[in-house]
Amino acid sequence: STLTMADALLDDLDDLSDVEPEEETNNNAAEVTAGNDGGIISAEHQDHNTANGNNETATDATNNNNPNNRLLNNDALQSHLQSIRTIQQKDNNTKMSHHKNSKEEDEHEHQLILTSNKHLASLRSELHNTHLDICKSYHPKFPELEELITDPFQYRAAIGIIQNESDVTNVNEQLNDVLSSNQIITISVAGSTTNGRMLTQEELNQVNDACLYLDELQSVKNELTLFVESRMEQWSPSVCALVGPALAAQLLASTGGLAELARVPSCNLQLLGKNRSTASSRGGMAT
């Protein structure tokens, strides 16, 4: 009877294994039917959602590169530049009429100097980020160049000349205007062995647009620096007497103001504005 019972159990197990797939098939069919009534999302709908997700990602990427988000389009900066230009125009008229500023006007000028220093700090950061963008955009064409030319503006001038040229030696004459002979020899050798590729027209346009933006940033930075320098002898005559108005303006820009500069220990003054010259920072990739 024991064998008979074991055989019966095996038969029952076989019967269960035969029935379970059918039940699973029926259950799946029921789920699909329920889904058609409003429960399960169809494959076509999932594909549509996936496509929408990809479109949203592309839109976000486009927004990140939106020129409207650039610093030079900032309303506060543009308003500040307009105030500076108004003051400078007034200065020209004052020299002719020998008019002296009132206490309120002096205070307003001092506030403009402090605000200029804050904008100069933002501009330095924006210049660094723009240089990083240029290096990243031009990297597929000449990846070695960002290591060989450490100065951001020399790098910008060099790629403005090289562009999509496959043989760097063809533009050596133009490079003589912006680079030293040793630099030209170095990048010519590197250009002959580089594993870079030609940029598409869209990629090249992106590089050139970033280069123009770098030029605009530098122009605004120079304008603010000249304004601060022109006021240094009035607001910090002792510092100007020691180091000159140009360096005094840079010291105030680095520290954020005259009061902040006065609190800097003398042993730290030599470190103000110092940049680490590493391979990553030269390529604009420093953290």
C-alpha atoms as a PDB file:
ATOM      1  CA  SER A   1       0.000   0.000   0.000  1.00  0.00           C
ATOM      2  CA  THR A   2       3.023   2.218   0.605  1.00  0.00           C
ATOM      3  CA  LEU A   3       4.073   1.994  -3.026  1.00  0.00           C
ATOM      4  CA  THR A   4       0.589   2.690  -4.139  1.00  0.00           C
ATOM      5  CA  MET A   5       0.400   5.808  -1.965  1.00  0.00           C
ATOM      6  CA  ALA A   6       3.754   7.079  -3.306  1.00  0.00           C
ATOM      7  CA  ASP A   7       2.619   6.505  -6.849  1.00  0.00           C
ATOM      8  CA  ALA A   8      -0.551   8.412  -6.116  1.00  0.00           C
ATOM      9  CA  LEU A   9       1.429  11.348  -4.715  1.00  0.00           C
ATOM     10  CA  LEU A  10       3.673  11.436  -7.792  1.00  0.00           C
ATOM     11  CA  ASP A  11       0.628  11.351 -10.028  1.00  0.00           C
ATOM     12  CA  ASP A  12      -0.920  14.235  -8.102  1.00  0.00           C
ATOM     13  CA  LEU A  13       2.301  16.269  -8.473  1.00  0.00           C
ATOM     14  CA  ASP A  14       2.353  15.583 -12.194  1.00  0.00           C
ATOM     15  CA  ASP A  15      -1.230  16.723 -12.459  1.00  0.00           C
ATOM     16  CA  LEU A  16      -0.428  19.947 -10.586  1.00  0.00           C
ATOM     17  CA  SER A  17       2.544  20.744 -12.846  1.00  0.00           C
ATOM     18  CA  ASP A  18       0.295  20.277 -15.861  1.00  0.00           C
ATOM     19  CA  VAL A  19      -2.421  22.562 -14.522  1.00  0.00           C
ATOM     20  CA  GLU A  20      -0.283  25.479 -13.154  1.00  0.00           C
ATOM     21  CA  PRO A  21       0.919  26.790 -16.544  1.00  0.00           C
ATOM     22  CA  GLU A  22      -2.657  26.852 -17.785  1.00  0.00           C
ATOM     23  CA  GLU A  23      -3.734  28.755 -14.679  1.00  0.00           C
ATOM     24  CA  GLU A  24      -0.864  31.231 -15.114  1.00  0.00           C
ATOM     25  CA  THR A  25      -1.842  31.708 -18.767  1.00  0.00           C
ATOM     26  CA  ASN A  26      -5.433  32.325 -17.752  1.00  0.00           C
ATOM     27  CA  ASN A  27      -4.342  34.753 -15.051  1.00  0.00           C
ATOM     28  CA  ASN A  28      -2.155  36.657 -17.536  1.00  0.00           C
ATOM     29  CA  ALA A  29      -5.025  36.845 -19.973  1.00  0.00           C
ATOM     30  CA  ALA A  30      -7.287  38.148 -17.222  1.00  0.00           C
ATOM     31  CA  GLU A  31      -4.710  40.817 -16.330  1.00  0.00           C
ATOM     32  CA  VAL A  32      -4.446  41.956 -19.939  1.00  0.00           C
ATOM     33  CA  THR A  33      -8.229  42.085 -20.198  1.00  0.00           C
ATOM     34  CA  ALA A  34      -8.396  44.109 -16.989  1.00  0.00           C
ATOM     35  CA  GLY A  35      -5.711  46.387 -18.356  1.00  0.00           C
ATOM     36  CA  ASN A  36      -7.712  47.100 -21.484  1.00  0.00           C
ATOM     37  CA  ASP A  37     -10.555  48.175 -19.224  1.00  0.00           C
ATOM     38  CA  GLY A  38      -8.275  50.732 -17.525  1.00  0.00           C
ATOM     39  CA  GLY A  39      -5.772  48.848 -15.334  1.00  0.00           C
ATOM     40  CA  ILE A  40      -2.570  48.006 -17.274  1.00  0.00           C
ATOM     41  CA  ILE A  41      -0.562  50.453 -19.406  1.00  0.00           C
ATOM     42  CA  SER A  42      -0.102  49.148 -22.941  1.00  0.00           C
ATOM     43  CA  ALA A  43       3.326  48.777 -24.586  1.00  0.00           C
ATOM     44  CA  GLU A  44       2.577  51.588 -27.035  1.00  0.00           C
ATOM     45  CA  HIS A  45       1.748  53.905 -24.139  1.00  0.00           C
ATOM     46  CA  GLN A  46       4.992  52.959 -22.402  1.00  0.00           C
ATOM     47  CA  ASP A  47       6.948  53.726 -25.578  1.00  0.00           C
ATOM     48  CA  HIS A  48       5.182  57.075 -25.780  1.00  0.00           C
ATOM     49  CA  ASN A  49       6.133  57.875 -22.172  1.00  0.00           C
ATOM     50  CA  THR A  50       9.722  56.863 -22.846  1.00  0.00           C
ATOM     51  CA  ALA A  51       9.835  59.173 -25.847  1.00  0.00           C
ATOM     52  CA  ASN A  52       8.399  61.985 -23.748  1.00  0.00           C
ATOM     53  CA  GLY A  53      11.029  61.338 -21.099  1.00  0.00           C
ATOM     54  CA  ASN A  54      13.782  61.573 -23.686  1.00  0.00           C
ATOM     55  CA  ASN A  55      12.313  64.808 -25.007  1.00  0.00           C
ATOM     56  CA  GLU A  56      12.223  66.257 -21.488  1.00  0.00           C
ATOM     57  CA  THR A  57      15.874  65.327 -20.969  1.00  0.00           C
ATOM     58  CA  ALA A  58      16.818  66.993 -24.245  1.00  0.00           C
ATOM     59  CA  THR A  59      14.855  70.087 -23.259  1.00  0.00           C
ATOM     60  CA  ASP A  60      16.654  70.254 -19.920  1.00  0.00           C
ATOM     61  CA  ALA A  61      20.007  70.000 -21.687  1.00  0.00           C
ATOM     62  CA  THR A  62      18.988  72.787 -24.049  1.00  0.00           C
ATOM     63  CA  ASN A  63      17.943  74.973 -21.128  1.00  0.00           C
ATOM     64  CA  ASN A  64      21.311  74.427 -19.440  1.00  0.00           C
ATOM     65  CA  ASN A  65      23.007  75.876 -22.536  1.00  0.00           C
ATOM     66  CA  ASN A  66      20.504  78.696 -22.843  1.00  0.00           C
ATOM     67  CA  PRO A  67      22.351  82.000 -23.509  1.00  0.00           C
ATOM     68  CA  ASN A  68      19.719  83.810 -21.445  1.00  0.00           C
ATOM     69  CA  ASN A  69      21.214  82.199 -18.322  1.00  0.00           C
ATOM     70  CA  ARG A  70      24.612  83.812 -18.916  1.00  0.00           C
ATOM     71  CA  LEU A  71      26.015  86.260 -16.398  1.00  0.00           C
ATOM     72  CA  LEU A  72      26.216  89.154 -18.858  1.00  0.00           C
ATOM     73  CA  ASN A  73      22.427  88.984 -19.242  1.00  0.00           C
ATOM     74  CA  ASN A  74      21.981  89.456 -15.506  1.00  0.00           C
ATOM     75  CA  ASP A  75      19.796  92.514 -14.810  1.00  0.00           C
ATOM     76  CA  ALA A  76      21.754  93.524 -11.700  1.00  0.00           C
ATOM     77  CA  LEU A  77      25.050  93.525 -13.582  1.00  0.00           C
ATOM     78  CA  GLN A  78      23.628  95.489 -16.505  1.00  0.00           C
ATOM     79  CA  SER A  79      22.108  98.045 -14.131  1.00  0.00           C
ATOM     80  CA  HIS A  80      25.441  98.379 -12.327  1.00  0.00           C
ATOM     81  CA  LEU A  81      27.309  98.923 -15.604  1.00  0.00           C
ATOM     82  CA  GLN A  82      24.836 101.634 -16.541  1.00  0.00           C
ATOM     83  CA  SER A  83      25.406 103.368 -13.183  1.00  0.00           C
ATOM     84  CA  ILE A  84      29.175 103.272 -13.701  1.00  0.00           C
ATOM     85  CA  ARG A  85      28.898 104.734 -17.190  1.00  0.00           C
ATOM     86  CA  THR A  86      26.671 107.494 -15.847  1.00  0.00           C
ATOM     87  CA  ILE A  87      29.239 108.310 -13.140  1.00  0.00           C
ATOM     88  CA  GLN A  88      32.073 108.350 -15.671  1.00  0.00           C
ATOM     89  CA  GLN A  89      30.131 110.668 -17.948  1.00  0.00           C
ATOM     90  CA  LYS A  90      29.488 112.906 -14.961  1.00  0.00           C
ATOM     91  CA  ASP A  91      33.206 112.884 -14.180  1.00  0.00           C
ATOM     92  CA  ASN A  92      33.965 114.297 -17.600  1.00  0.00           C
ATOM     93  CA  ASN A  93      31.522 117.134 -17.002  1.00  0.00           C
ATOM     94  CA  THR A  94      32.838 117.703 -13.463  1.00  0.00           C
ATOM     95  CA  LYS A  95      36.401 118.183 -14.682  1.00  0.00           C
ATOM     96  CA  MET A  96      35.173 121.006 -16.866  1.00  0.00           C
ATOM     97  CA  SER A  97      33.024 122.682 -14.196  1.00  0.00           C
ATOM     98  CA  HIS A  98      35.332 121.894 -11.183  1.00  0.00           C
ATOM     99  CA  HIS A  99      32.315 120.596  -9.265  1.00  0.00           C
ATOM    100  CA  LYS A 100      32.972 118.708  -6.019  1.00  0.00           C
ATOM    101  CA  ASN A 101      30.948 115.682  -5.004  1.00  0.00           C
ATOM    102  CA  SER A 102      28.583 115.898  -2.071  1.00  0.00           C
ATOM    103  CA  LYS A 103      28.756 113.468   0.849  1.00  0.00           C
ATOM    104  CA  GLU A 104      25.851 111.493  -0.599  1.00  0.00           C
ATOM    105  CA  GLU A 105      27.563 111.252  -3.973  1.00  0.00           C
ATOM    106  CA  ASP A 106      30.779 110.060  -2.342  1.00  0.00           C
ATOM    107  CA  GLU A 107      28.877 107.406  -0.429  1.00  0.00           C
ATOM    108  CA  HIS A 108      27.170 106.319  -3.632  1.00  0.00           C
ATOM    109  CA  GLU A 109      30.553 106.012  -5.349  1.00  0.00           C
ATOM    110  CA  HIS A 110      31.922 103.963  -2.473  1.00  0.00           C
ATOM    111  CA  GLN A 111      28.958 101.638  -2.709  1.00  0.00           C
ATOM    112  CA  LEU A 112      29.565 101.276  -6.454  1.00  0.00           C
ATOM    113  CA  ILE A 113      33.176 100.286  -5.758  1.00  0.00           C
ATOM    114  CA  LEU A 114      32.099  97.591  -3.304  1.00  0.00           C
ATOM    115  CA  THR A 115      29.470  96.306  -5.728  1.00  0.00           C
ATOM    116  CA  SER A 116      32.018  96.348  -8.540  1.00  0.00           C
ATOM    117  CA  ASN A 117      34.306  94.113  -6.493  1.00  0.00           C
ATOM    118  CA  LYS A 118      31.471  91.626  -5.998  1.00  0.00           C
ATOM    119  CA  HIS A 119      30.707  91.598  -9.717  1.00  0.00           C
ATOM    120  CA  LEU A 120      34.405  91.176 -10.479  1.00  0.00           C
ATOM    121  CA  ALA A 121      34.431  88.032  -8.344  1.00  0.00           C
ATOM    122  CA  SER A 122      31.437  86.695 -10.285  1.00  0.00           C
ATOM    123  CA  LEU A 123      33.088  87.579 -13.583  1.00  0.00           C
ATOM    124  CA  ARG A 124      36.261  85.714 -12.640  1.00  0.00           C
ATOM    125  CA  SER A 125      34.194  82.637 -11.867  1.00  0.00           C
ATOM    126  CA  GLU A 126      32.257  83.010 -15.119  1.00  0.00           C
ATOM    127  CA  LEU A 127      35.507  83.401 -17.073  1.00  0.00           C
ATOM    128  CA  HIS A 128      36.805  80.177 -15.562  1.00  0.00           C
ATOM    129  CA  ASN A 129      33.580  78.310 -16.345  1.00  0.00           C
ATOM    130  CA  THR A 130      33.523  79.637 -19.898  1.00  0.00           C
ATOM    131  CA  HIS A 131      37.122  78.558 -20.405  1.00  0.00           C
ATOM    132  CA  LEU A 132      36.127  75.116 -19.133  1.00  0.00           C
ATOM    133  CA  ASP A 133      33.267  75.029 -21.672  1.00  0.00           C
ATOM    134  CA  ILE A 134      35.627  75.997 -24.498  1.00  0.00           C
ATOM    135  CA  CYS A 135      38.119  73.285 -23.517  1.00  0.00           C
ATOM    136  CA  LYS A 136      35.331  70.708 -23.364  1.00  0.00           C
ATOM    137  CA  SER A 137      33.882  71.753 -26.724  1.00  0.00           C
ATOM    138  CA  TYR A 138      37.245  71.833 -28.535  1.00  0.00           C
ATOM    139  CA  HIS A 139      38.628  68.713 -26.840  1.00  0.00           C
ATOM    140  CA  PRO A 140      37.441  66.314 -29.596  1.00  0.00           C
ATOM    141  CA  LYS A 141      39.446  68.302 -32.176  1.00  0.00           C
ATOM    142  CA  PHE A 142      42.736  68.822 -30.305  1.00  0.00           C
ATOM    143  CA  PRO A 143      42.697  67.209 -26.820  1.00  0.00           C
ATOM    144  CA  GLU A 144      46.376  67.988 -26.149  1.00  0.00           C
ATOM    145  CA  LEU A 145      46.052  71.735 -26.714  1.00  0.00           C
ATOM    146  CA  GLU A 146      44.497  72.576 -23.344  1.00  0.00           C
ATOM    147  CA  GLU A 147      47.547  71.066 -21.647  1.00  0.00           C
ATOM    148  CA  LEU A 148      50.052  72.874 -23.862  1.00  0.00           C
ATOM    149  CA  ILE A 149      48.572  76.388 -23.698  1.00  0.00           C
ATOM    150  CA  THR A 150      47.844  77.245 -20.078  1.00  0.00           C
ATOM    151  CA  ASP A 151      46.620  80.820 -20.470  1.00  0.00           C
ATOM    152  CA  PRO A 152      42.855  80.938 -21.176  1.00  0.00           C
ATOM    153  CA  PHE A 153      43.110  83.875 -23.566  1.00  0.00           C
ATOM    154  CA  GLN A 154      46.067  82.443 -25.471  1.00  0.00           C
ATOM    155  CA  TYR A 155      44.113  79.208 -25.731  1.00  0.00           C
ATOM    156  CA  ARG A 156      41.072  81.099 -27.010  1.00  0.00           C
ATOM    157  CA  ALA A 157      43.208  82.991 -29.557  1.00  0.00           C
ATOM    158  CA  ALA A 158      44.917  79.801 -30.725  1.00  0.00           C
ATOM    159  CA  ILE A 159      41.733  77.848 -31.375  1.00  0.00           C
ATOM    160  CA  GLY A 160      40.285  80.916 -33.065  1.00  0.00           C
ATOM    161  CA  ILE A 161      43.114  80.577 -35.597  1.00  0.00           C
ATOM    162  CA  ILE A 162      43.374  76.786 -35.818  1.00  0.00           C
ATOM    163  CA  GLN A 163      39.614  76.170 -36.022  1.00  0.00           C
ATOM    164  CA  ASN A 164      39.172  72.928 -38.010  1.00  0.00           C
ATOM    165  CA  GLU A 165      42.594  72.990 -39.666  1.00  0.00           C
ATOM    166  CA  SER A 166      43.980  69.443 -39.906  1.00  0.00           C
ATOM    167  CA  ASP A 167      47.615  70.581 -40.306  1.00  0.00           C
ATOM    168  CA  VAL A 168      48.598  73.165 -37.669  1.00  0.00           C
ATOM    169  CA  THR A 169      51.711  74.150 -39.617  1.00  0.00           C
ATOM    170  CA  ASN A 170      49.445  75.770 -42.219  1.00  0.00           C
ATOM    171  CA  VAL A 171      48.512  78.487 -39.691  1.00  0.00           C
ATOM    172  CA  ASN A 172      51.905  78.970 -38.001  1.00  0.00           C
ATOM    173  CA  GLU A 173      52.243  82.462 -39.419  1.00  0.00           C
ATOM    174  CA  GLN A 174      48.973  83.588 -37.835  1.00  0.00           C
ATOM    175  CA  LEU A 175      49.884  81.860 -34.566  1.00  0.00           C
ATOM    176  CA  ASN A 176      53.041  83.991 -34.387  1.00  0.00           C
ATOM    177  CA  ASP A 177      50.822  86.921 -33.401  1.00  0.00           C
ATOM    178  CA  VAL A 178      49.519  85.214 -30.242  1.00  0.00           C
ATOM    179  CA  LEU A 179      52.045  82.514 -29.264  1.00  0.00           C
ATOM    180  CA  SER A 180      55.781  82.229 -28.750  1.00  0.00           C
ATOM    181  CA  SER A 181      57.933  80.280 -31.187  1.00  0.00           C
ATOM    182  CA  ASN A 182      58.447  77.491 -28.630  1.00  0.00           C
ATOM    183  CA  GLN A 183      54.695  77.151 -28.134  1.00  0.00           C
ATOM    184  CA  ILE A 184      54.107  76.985 -31.886  1.00  0.00           C
ATOM    185  CA  ILE A 185      56.720  74.249 -32.329  1.00  0.00           C
ATOM    186  CA  THR A 186      55.216  72.261 -29.451  1.00  0.00           C
ATOM    187  CA  ILE A 187      51.639  72.379 -30.679  1.00  0.00           C
ATOM    188  CA  SER A 188      52.728  71.705 -34.262  1.00  0.00           C
ATOM    189  CA  VAL A 189      54.360  68.454 -33.157  1.00  0.00           C
ATOM    190  CA  ALA A 190      51.375  67.574 -30.975  1.00  0.00           C
ATOM    191  CA  GLY A 191      48.992  68.414 -33.813  1.00  0.00           C
ATOM    192  CA  SER A 192      50.758  65.999 -36.150  1.00  0.00           C
ATOM    193  CA  THR A 193      50.238  63.088 -33.735  1.00  0.00           C
ATOM    194  CA  THR A 194      46.903  63.983 -32.158  1.00  0.00           C
ATOM    195  CA  ASN A 195      44.042  61.504 -32.219  1.00  0.00           C
ATOM    196  CA  GLY A 196      41.491  64.300 -32.472  1.00  0.00           C
ATOM    197  CA  ARG A 197      38.841  64.527 -35.162  1.00  0.00           C
ATOM    198  CA  MET A 198      37.301  67.263 -37.261  1.00  0.00           C
ATOM    199  CA  LEU A 199      34.470  69.137 -35.554  1.00  0.00           C
ATOM    200  CA  THR A 200      31.047  69.306 -37.127  1.00  0.00           C
ATOM    201  CA  GLN A 201      29.830  72.747 -38.156  1.00  0.00           C
ATOM    202  CA  GLU A 202      27.464  72.809 -35.181  1.00  0.00           C
ATOM    203  CA  GLU A 203      30.298  71.934 -32.789  1.00  0.00           C
ATOM    204  CA  LEU A 204      32.551  74.578 -34.323  1.00  0.00           C
ATOM    205  CA  ASN A 205      29.801  77.193 -34.020  1.00  0.00           C
ATOM    206  CA  GLN A 206      29.428  76.303 -30.346  1.00  0.00           C
ATOM    207  CA  VAL A 207      33.180  76.771 -29.806  1.00  0.00           C
ATOM    208  CA  ASN A 208      33.215  80.150 -31.581  1.00  0.00           C
ATOM    209  CA  ASP A 209      30.151  81.345 -29.663  1.00  0.00           C
ATOM    210  CA  ALA A 210      31.839  80.492 -26.359  1.00  0.00           C
ATOM    211  CA  CYS A 211      34.995  82.316 -27.504  1.00  0.00           C
ATOM    212  CA  LEU A 212      33.025  85.468 -28.287  1.00  0.00           C
ATOM    213  CA  TYR A 213      31.355  85.260 -24.897  1.00  0.00           C
ATOM    214  CA  LEU A 214      34.780  84.974 -23.240  1.00  0.00           C
ATOM    215  CA  ASP A 215      35.845  88.173 -25.041  1.00  0.00           C
ATOM    216  CA  GLU A 216      32.717  89.974 -23.826  1.00  0.00           C
ATOM    217  CA  LEU A 217      33.326  88.827 -20.249  1.00  0.00           C
ATOM    218  CA  GLN A 218      36.896  90.090 -20.351  1.00  0.00           C
ATOM    219  CA  SER A 219      35.764  93.434 -21.771  1.00  0.00           C
ATOM    220  CA  VAL A 220      33.246  93.946 -18.945  1.00  0.00           C
ATOM    221  CA  LYS A 221      35.814  92.813 -16.373  1.00  0.00           C
ATOM    222  CA  ASN A 222      38.304  95.383 -17.719  1.00  0.00           C
ATOM    223  CA  GLU A 223      35.655  98.107 -17.569  1.00  0.00           C
ATOM    224  CA  LEU A 224      34.876  97.382 -13.920  1.00  0.00           C
ATOM    225  CA  THR A 225      38.569  97.104 -13.030  1.00  0.00           C
ATOM    226  CA  LEU A 226      39.380 100.462 -14.621  1.00  0.00           C
ATOM    227  CA  PHE A 227      36.514 102.080 -12.715  1.00  0.00           C
ATOM    228  CA  VAL A 228      37.752 100.699  -9.391  1.00  0.00           C
ATOM    229  CA  GLU A 229      41.349 101.693 -10.194  1.00  0.00           C
ATOM    230  CA  SER A 230      40.283 105.260 -10.957  1.00  0.00           C
ATOM    231  CA  ARG A 231      38.775 105.548  -7.441  1.00  0.00           C
ATOM    232  CA  MET A 232      41.577 103.894  -5.490  1.00  0.00           C
ATOM    233  CA  GLU A 233      43.639 107.008  -4.740  1.00  0.00           C
ATOM    234  CA  GLN A 234      40.574 108.637  -3.223  1.00  0.00           C
ATOM    235  CA  TRP A 235      39.436 105.722  -1.059  1.00  0.00           C
ATOM    236  CA  SER A 236      42.718 103.978  -0.192  1.00  0.00           C
ATOM    237  CA  PRO A 237      45.585 106.438  -0.741  1.00  0.00           C
ATOM    238  CA  SER A 238      48.004 104.567   1.530  1.00  0.00           C
ATOM    239  CA  VAL A 239      47.590 101.265  -0.330  1.00  0.00           C
ATOM    240  CA  CYS A 240      47.951 103.087  -3.654  1.00  0.00           C
ATOM    241  CA  ALA A 241      51.123 104.770  -2.468  1.00  0.00           C
ATOM    242  CA  LEU A 242      52.601 101.388  -1.579  1.00  0.00           C
ATOM    243  CA  VAL A 243      51.573  99.221  -4.538  1.00  0.00           C
ATOM    244  CA  GLY A 244      49.915 101.526  -7.081  1.00  0.00           C
ATOM    245  CA  PRO A 245      46.221 101.882  -8.029  1.00  0.00           C
ATOM    246  CA  ALA A 246      46.128  98.859 -10.368  1.00  0.00           C
ATOM    247  CA  LEU A 247      47.419  96.386  -7.781  1.00  0.00           C
ATOM    248  CA  ALA A 248      45.373  98.072  -5.043  1.00  0.00           C
ATOM    249  CA  ALA A 249      42.231  97.494  -7.099  1.00  0.00           C
ATOM    250  CA  GLN A 250      43.160  93.835  -7.571  1.00  0.00           C
ATOM    251  CA  LEU A 251      43.759  93.448  -3.833  1.00  0.00           C
ATOM    252  CA  LEU A 252      40.356  94.927  -3.038  1.00  0.00           C
ATOM    253  CA  ALA A 253      38.736  92.766  -5.701  1.00  0.00           C
ATOM    254  CA  SER A 254      40.397  89.629  -4.284  1.00  0.00           C
ATOM    255  CA  THR A 255      39.351  90.334  -0.697  1.00  0.00           C
ATOM    256  CA  GLY A 256      35.975  92.003  -1.279  1.00  0.00           C
ATOM    257  CA  GLY A 257      36.635  95.503   0.073  1.00  0.00           C
ATOM    258  CA  LEU A 258      38.930  97.774   2.061  1.00  0.00           C
ATOM    259  CA  ALA A 259      37.708  96.523   5.456  1.00  0.00           C
ATOM    260  CA  GLU A 260      38.221  92.898   4.388  1.00  0.00           C
ATOM    261  CA  LEU A 261      41.720  93.709   3.071  1.00  0.00           C
ATOM    262  CA  ALA A 262      42.654  95.304   6.413  1.00  0.00           C
ATOM    263  CA  ARG A 263      41.752  92.057   8.206  1.00  0.00           C
ATOM    264  CA  VAL A 264      44.029  89.876   6.033  1.00  0.00           C
ATOM    265  CA  PRO A 265      47.205  88.824   7.915  1.00  0.00           C
ATOM    266  CA  SER A 266      50.366  90.195   6.334  1.00  0.00           C
ATOM    267  CA  CYS A 267      51.724  86.672   5.785  1.00  0.00           C
ATOM    268  CA  ASN A 268      48.706  85.876   3.587  1.00  0.00           C
ATOM    269  CA  LEU A 269      48.886  88.930   1.325  1.00  0.00           C
ATOM    270  CA  GLN A 270      51.337  87.236  -1.037  1.00  0.00           C
ATOM    271  CA  LEU A 271      48.859  84.396  -1.583  1.00  0.00           C
ATOM    272  CA  LEU A 272      45.964  86.598  -2.753  1.00  0.00           C
ATOM    273  CA  GLY A 273      44.959  85.747  -6.307  1.00  0.00           C
ATOM    274  CA  LYS A 274      47.408  82.850  -6.523  1.00  0.00           C
ATOM    275  CA  ASN A 275      46.298  80.024  -8.840  1.00  0.00           C
ATOM    276  CA  ARG A 276      47.510  76.462  -8.694  1.00  0.00           C
ATOM    277  CA  SER A 277      49.281  75.589 -11.937  1.00  0.00           C
ATOM    278  CA  THR A 278      48.314  71.949 -12.292  1.00  0.00           C
ATOM    279  CA  ALA A 279      47.407  69.975 -15.372  1.00  0.00           C
ATOM    280  CA  SER A 280      43.732  70.029 -14.418  1.00  0.00           C
ATOM    281  CA  SER A 281      43.608  73.764 -13.650  1.00  0.00           C
ATOM    282  CA  ARG A 282      45.448  74.621 -16.862  1.00  0.00           C
ATOM    283  CA  GLY A 283      42.775  72.763 -18.765  1.00  0.00           C
ATOM    284  CA  GLY A 284      40.043  74.525 -16.819  1.00  0.00           C
ATOM    285  CA  MET A 285      39.086  71.356 -14.930  1.00  0.00           C
ATOM    286  CA  ALA A 286      40.254  72.273 -11.421  1.00  0.00           C
ATOM    287  CA  THR A 287      37.916  71.557  -8.524  1.00  0.00           C
END
